[in-house]
Amino acid sequence: MSKLTLSRRGLLSAGVVLSVSPIVSGANAQEKKTGLVPEKWDLTTEVLVVGSGGAGLASAVSAAEAGAKVTVIEKLAFVGGNTMISSGYFNAVDPERQKKQGIEDSIEKHIQQTLAGGDGRADPELVRIEA
């Protein structure tokens, strides 16, 4: 695994730094902002994760579990990213319930809307996978 070396200035310009070893602790965000940035610092890491939302933290934990030295950086003063605003909702198709509410939906329509929501960048075959 190749190592990535960043200067203190480079990390500061990226935002708050969270060190994952192997799991991110749940300390106060303000403490993280001020407590993790030493006076002089050159950091060497094997995996740098940009963003502490659900995907970023899941990636960081997976890399740490595989034995990598992981660093997570976040521009905000708290962890969560877009996951913080999702409120646990997810898109799904439920034609039976939706029909009673006057909503026309289908699996195919859901697939097309999902692809459009991602500006057509998603792999249609992966979007079509049913659990």
C-alpha atoms as a PDB file:
ATOM      1  CA  MET A   1       0.000   0.000   0.000  1.00  0.00           C
ATOM      2  CA  SER A   2       1.483   3.387  -0.952  1.00  0.00           C
ATOM      3  CA  LYS A   3       1.672   6.142   1.642  1.00  0.00           C
ATOM      4  CA  LEU A   4       0.312   9.653   1.263  1.00  0.00           C
ATOM      5  CA  THR A   5       2.178  12.417   3.080  1.00  0.00           C
ATOM      6  CA  LEU A   6       0.459  15.736   3.701  1.00  0.00           C
ATOM      7  CA  SER A   7       1.761  18.881   5.342  1.00  0.00           C
ATOM      8  CA  ARG A   8      -0.084  20.514   8.230  1.00  0.00           C
ATOM      9  CA  ARG A   9      -1.029  23.408   5.944  1.00  0.00           C
ATOM     10  CA  GLY A  10      -2.536  21.026   3.377  1.00  0.00           C
ATOM     11  CA  LEU A  11      -4.636  19.306   6.020  1.00  0.00           C
ATOM     12  CA  LEU A  12      -5.740  22.583   7.581  1.00  0.00           C
ATOM     13  CA  SER A  13      -6.919  23.895   4.229  1.00  0.00           C
ATOM     14  CA  ALA A  14      -8.954  20.707   3.811  1.00  0.00           C
ATOM     15  CA  GLY A  15     -10.757  21.253   7.137  1.00  0.00           C
ATOM     16  CA  VAL A  16     -11.121  19.404  10.400  1.00  0.00           C
ATOM     17  CA  VAL A  17      -8.992  16.310  10.755  1.00  0.00           C
ATOM     18  CA  LEU A  18     -10.266  13.142  12.384  1.00  0.00           C
ATOM     19  CA  SER A  19      -7.892  10.284  13.014  1.00  0.00           C
ATOM     20  CA  VAL A  20      -9.336   6.791  12.664  1.00  0.00           C
ATOM     21  CA  SER A  21      -7.509   4.120  14.556  1.00  0.00           C
ATOM     22  CA  PRO A  22      -9.386   1.834  13.947  1.00  0.00           C
ATOM     23  CA  ILE A  23     -12.733   3.555  14.688  1.00  0.00           C
ATOM     24  CA  VAL A  24     -13.702   7.235  14.861  1.00  0.00           C
ATOM     25  CA  SER A  25     -14.529   8.192  18.447  1.00  0.00           C
ATOM     26  CA  GLY A  26     -17.646  10.201  19.189  1.00  0.00           C
ATOM     27  CA  ALA A  27     -16.011  13.156  20.986  1.00  0.00           C
ATOM     28  CA  ASN A  28     -17.366  16.695  20.853  1.00  0.00           C
ATOM     29  CA  ALA A  29     -16.899  18.214  17.364  1.00  0.00           C
ATOM     30  CA  GLN A  30     -15.407  21.422  18.773  1.00  0.00           C
ATOM     31  CA  GLU A  31     -12.804  19.387  20.690  1.00  0.00           C
ATOM     32  CA  LYS A  32     -11.928  17.591  17.460  1.00  0.00           C
ATOM     33  CA  LYS A  33     -11.548  20.890  15.626  1.00  0.00           C
ATOM     34  CA  THR A  34      -9.116  22.349  18.137  1.00  0.00           C
ATOM     35  CA  GLY A  35      -7.669  19.277  19.841  1.00  0.00           C
ATOM     36  CA  LEU A  36      -6.399  17.307  16.875  1.00  0.00           C
ATOM     37  CA  VAL A  37      -4.331  19.947  15.110  1.00  0.00           C
ATOM     38  CA  PRO A  38      -0.907  20.173  16.773  1.00  0.00           C
ATOM     39  CA  GLU A  39       1.463  23.143  16.482  1.00  0.00           C
ATOM     40  CA  LYS A  40       3.762  21.263  14.091  1.00  0.00           C
ATOM     41  CA  TRP A  41       2.484  18.353  12.134  1.00  0.00           C
ATOM     42  CA  ASP A  42       3.427  16.240   9.152  1.00  0.00           C
ATOM     43  CA  LEU A  43       1.094  13.316   8.745  1.00  0.00           C
ATOM     44  CA  THR A  44       1.759  10.115   6.882  1.00  0.00           C
ATOM     45  CA  THR A  45      -1.213   7.892   6.188  1.00  0.00           C
ATOM     46  CA  GLU A  46      -2.009   4.931   3.986  1.00  0.00           C
ATOM     47  CA  VAL A  47      -5.635   5.878   3.304  1.00  0.00           C
ATOM     48  CA  LEU A  48      -7.054   9.401   3.264  1.00  0.00           C
ATOM     49  CA  VAL A  49     -10.856   9.620   3.333  1.00  0.00           C
ATOM     50  CA  VAL A  50     -12.326  12.994   2.407  1.00  0.00           C
ATOM     51  CA  GLY A  51     -15.700  13.476   4.088  1.00  0.00           C
ATOM     52  CA  SER A  52     -17.206  11.993   7.225  1.00  0.00           C
ATOM     53  CA  GLY A  53     -20.642  11.077   5.926  1.00  0.00           C
ATOM     54  CA  GLY A  54     -21.958   7.537   5.902  1.00  0.00           C
ATOM     55  CA  ALA A  55     -19.925   6.470   2.868  1.00  0.00           C
ATOM     56  CA  GLY A  56     -16.718   8.104   4.097  1.00  0.00           C
ATOM     57  CA  LEU A  57     -16.904   6.601   7.580  1.00  0.00           C
ATOM     58  CA  ALA A  58     -17.872   3.174   6.244  1.00  0.00           C
ATOM     59  CA  SER A  59     -14.867   3.314   3.906  1.00  0.00           C
ATOM     60  CA  ALA A  60     -12.603   4.416   6.749  1.00  0.00           C
ATOM     61  CA  VAL A  61     -13.732   1.598   9.031  1.00  0.00           C
ATOM     62  CA  SER A  62     -13.335  -0.993   6.249  1.00  0.00           C
ATOM     63  CA  ALA A  63      -9.813   0.214   5.485  1.00  0.00           C
ATOM     64  CA  ALA A  64      -8.904   0.255   9.192  1.00  0.00           C
ATOM     65  CA  GLU A  65     -10.282  -3.258   9.661  1.00  0.00           C
ATOM     66  CA  ALA A  66      -8.071  -4.352   6.761  1.00  0.00           C
ATOM     67  CA  GLY A  67      -5.078  -3.003   8.684  1.00  0.00           C
ATOM     68  CA  ALA A  68      -4.525   0.358   6.986  1.00  0.00           C
ATOM     69  CA  LYS A  69      -3.563   3.549   8.775  1.00  0.00           C
ATOM     70  CA  VAL A  70      -6.568   5.758   7.980  1.00  0.00           C
ATOM     71  CA  THR A  71      -7.151   9.493   8.260  1.00  0.00           C
ATOM     72  CA  VAL A  72     -10.558  11.107   7.738  1.00  0.00           C
ATOM     73  CA  ILE A  73     -10.809  14.817   6.932  1.00  0.00           C
ATOM     74  CA  GLU A  74     -14.026  16.821   7.125  1.00  0.00           C
ATOM     75  CA  LYS A  75     -14.678  20.449   6.192  1.00  0.00           C
ATOM     76  CA  LEU A  76     -17.441  20.907   8.753  1.00  0.00           C
ATOM     77  CA  ALA A  77     -17.031  21.104  12.531  1.00  0.00           C
ATOM     78  CA  PHE A  78     -19.034  17.896  12.954  1.00  0.00           C
ATOM     79  CA  VAL A  79     -19.212  14.449  11.390  1.00  0.00           C
ATOM     80  CA  GLY A  80     -22.141  13.260   9.311  1.00  0.00           C
ATOM     81  CA  GLY A  81     -22.038  14.953   5.908  1.00  0.00           C
ATOM     82  CA  ASN A  82     -25.158  14.472   3.776  1.00  0.00           C
ATOM     83  CA  THR A  83     -26.051  11.489   5.926  1.00  0.00           C
ATOM     84  CA  MET A  84     -26.941  13.965   8.699  1.00  0.00           C
ATOM     85  CA  ILE A  85     -29.780  15.382   6.587  1.00  0.00           C
ATOM     86  CA  SER A  86     -31.106  12.119   5.183  1.00  0.00           C
ATOM     87  CA  SER A  87     -33.136  11.411   8.357  1.00  0.00           C
ATOM     88  CA  GLY A  88     -33.126   7.712   7.594  1.00  0.00           C
ATOM     89  CA  TYR A  89     -35.331   7.949   4.505  1.00  0.00           C
ATOM     90  CA  PHE A  90     -34.624   6.076   1.311  1.00  0.00           C
ATOM     91  CA  ASN A  91     -36.259   5.878  -2.088  1.00  0.00           C
ATOM     92  CA  ALA A  92     -38.257   2.760  -2.846  1.00  0.00           C
ATOM     93  CA  VAL A  93     -41.078   1.558  -5.048  1.00  0.00           C
ATOM     94  CA  ASP A  94     -44.380   0.567  -3.420  1.00  0.00           C
ATOM     95  CA  PRO A  95     -46.974   0.606  -6.237  1.00  0.00           C
ATOM     96  CA  GLU A  96     -49.712  -1.017  -4.114  1.00  0.00           C
ATOM     97  CA  ARG A  97     -49.599   1.608  -1.360  1.00  0.00           C
ATOM     98  CA  GLN A  98     -48.823   4.461  -3.748  1.00  0.00           C
ATOM     99  CA  LYS A  99     -51.765   3.651  -6.030  1.00  0.00           C
ATOM    100  CA  LYS A 100     -54.150   4.171  -3.073  1.00  0.00           C
ATOM    101  CA  GLN A 101     -52.611   7.642  -2.671  1.00  0.00           C
ATOM    102  CA  GLY A 102     -52.995   8.506  -6.355  1.00  0.00           C
ATOM    103  CA  ILE A 103     -49.280   8.059  -7.073  1.00  0.00           C
ATOM    104  CA  GLU A 104     -48.277   6.240 -10.248  1.00  0.00           C
ATOM    105  CA  ASP A 105     -44.989   4.357  -9.769  1.00  0.00           C
ATOM    106  CA  SER A 106     -43.196   1.285 -11.034  1.00  0.00           C
ATOM    107  CA  ILE A 107     -39.826  -0.380 -10.734  1.00  0.00           C
ATOM    108  CA  GLU A 108     -38.882   0.863 -14.214  1.00  0.00           C
ATOM    109  CA  LYS A 109     -39.916   4.441 -13.374  1.00  0.00           C
ATOM    110  CA  HIS A 110     -37.904   4.257 -10.150  1.00  0.00           C
ATOM    111  CA  ILE A 111     -34.832   3.056 -12.057  1.00  0.00           C
ATOM    112  CA  GLN A 112     -35.149   5.888 -14.592  1.00  0.00           C
ATOM    113  CA  GLN A 113     -35.574   8.497 -11.819  1.00  0.00           C
ATOM    114  CA  THR A 114     -32.573   7.098  -9.932  1.00  0.00           C
ATOM    115  CA  LEU A 115     -30.405   7.295 -13.057  1.00  0.00           C
ATOM    116  CA  ALA A 116     -31.627  10.850 -13.776  1.00  0.00           C
ATOM    117  CA  GLY A 117     -30.968  11.898 -10.159  1.00  0.00           C
ATOM    118  CA  GLY A 118     -27.336  10.888 -10.615  1.00  0.00           C
ATOM    119  CA  ASP A 119     -27.033  12.828 -13.875  1.00  0.00           C
ATOM    120  CA  GLY A 120     -26.839   9.558 -15.810  1.00  0.00           C
ATOM    121  CA  ARG A 121     -23.468   8.642 -14.274  1.00  0.00           C
ATOM    122  CA  ALA A 122     -24.591   5.450 -12.521  1.00  0.00           C
ATOM    123  CA  ASP A 123     -24.161   2.006 -14.012  1.00  0.00           C
ATOM    124  CA  PRO A 124     -27.715   1.017 -15.081  1.00  0.00           C
ATOM    125  CA  GLU A 125     -27.010  -2.646 -14.362  1.00  0.00           C
ATOM    126  CA  LEU A 126     -26.114  -1.846 -10.732  1.00  0.00           C
ATOM    127  CA  VAL A 127     -29.205   0.358 -10.343  1.00  0.00           C
ATOM    128  CA  ARG A 128     -31.368  -2.543 -11.567  1.00  0.00           C
ATOM    129  CA  ILE A 129     -30.099  -5.033  -8.966  1.00  0.00           C
ATOM    130  CA  GLU A 130     -32.933  -6.144  -6.680  1.00  0.00           C
ATOM    131  CA  ALA A 131     -32.237  -7.150  -3.107  1.00  0.00           C
END
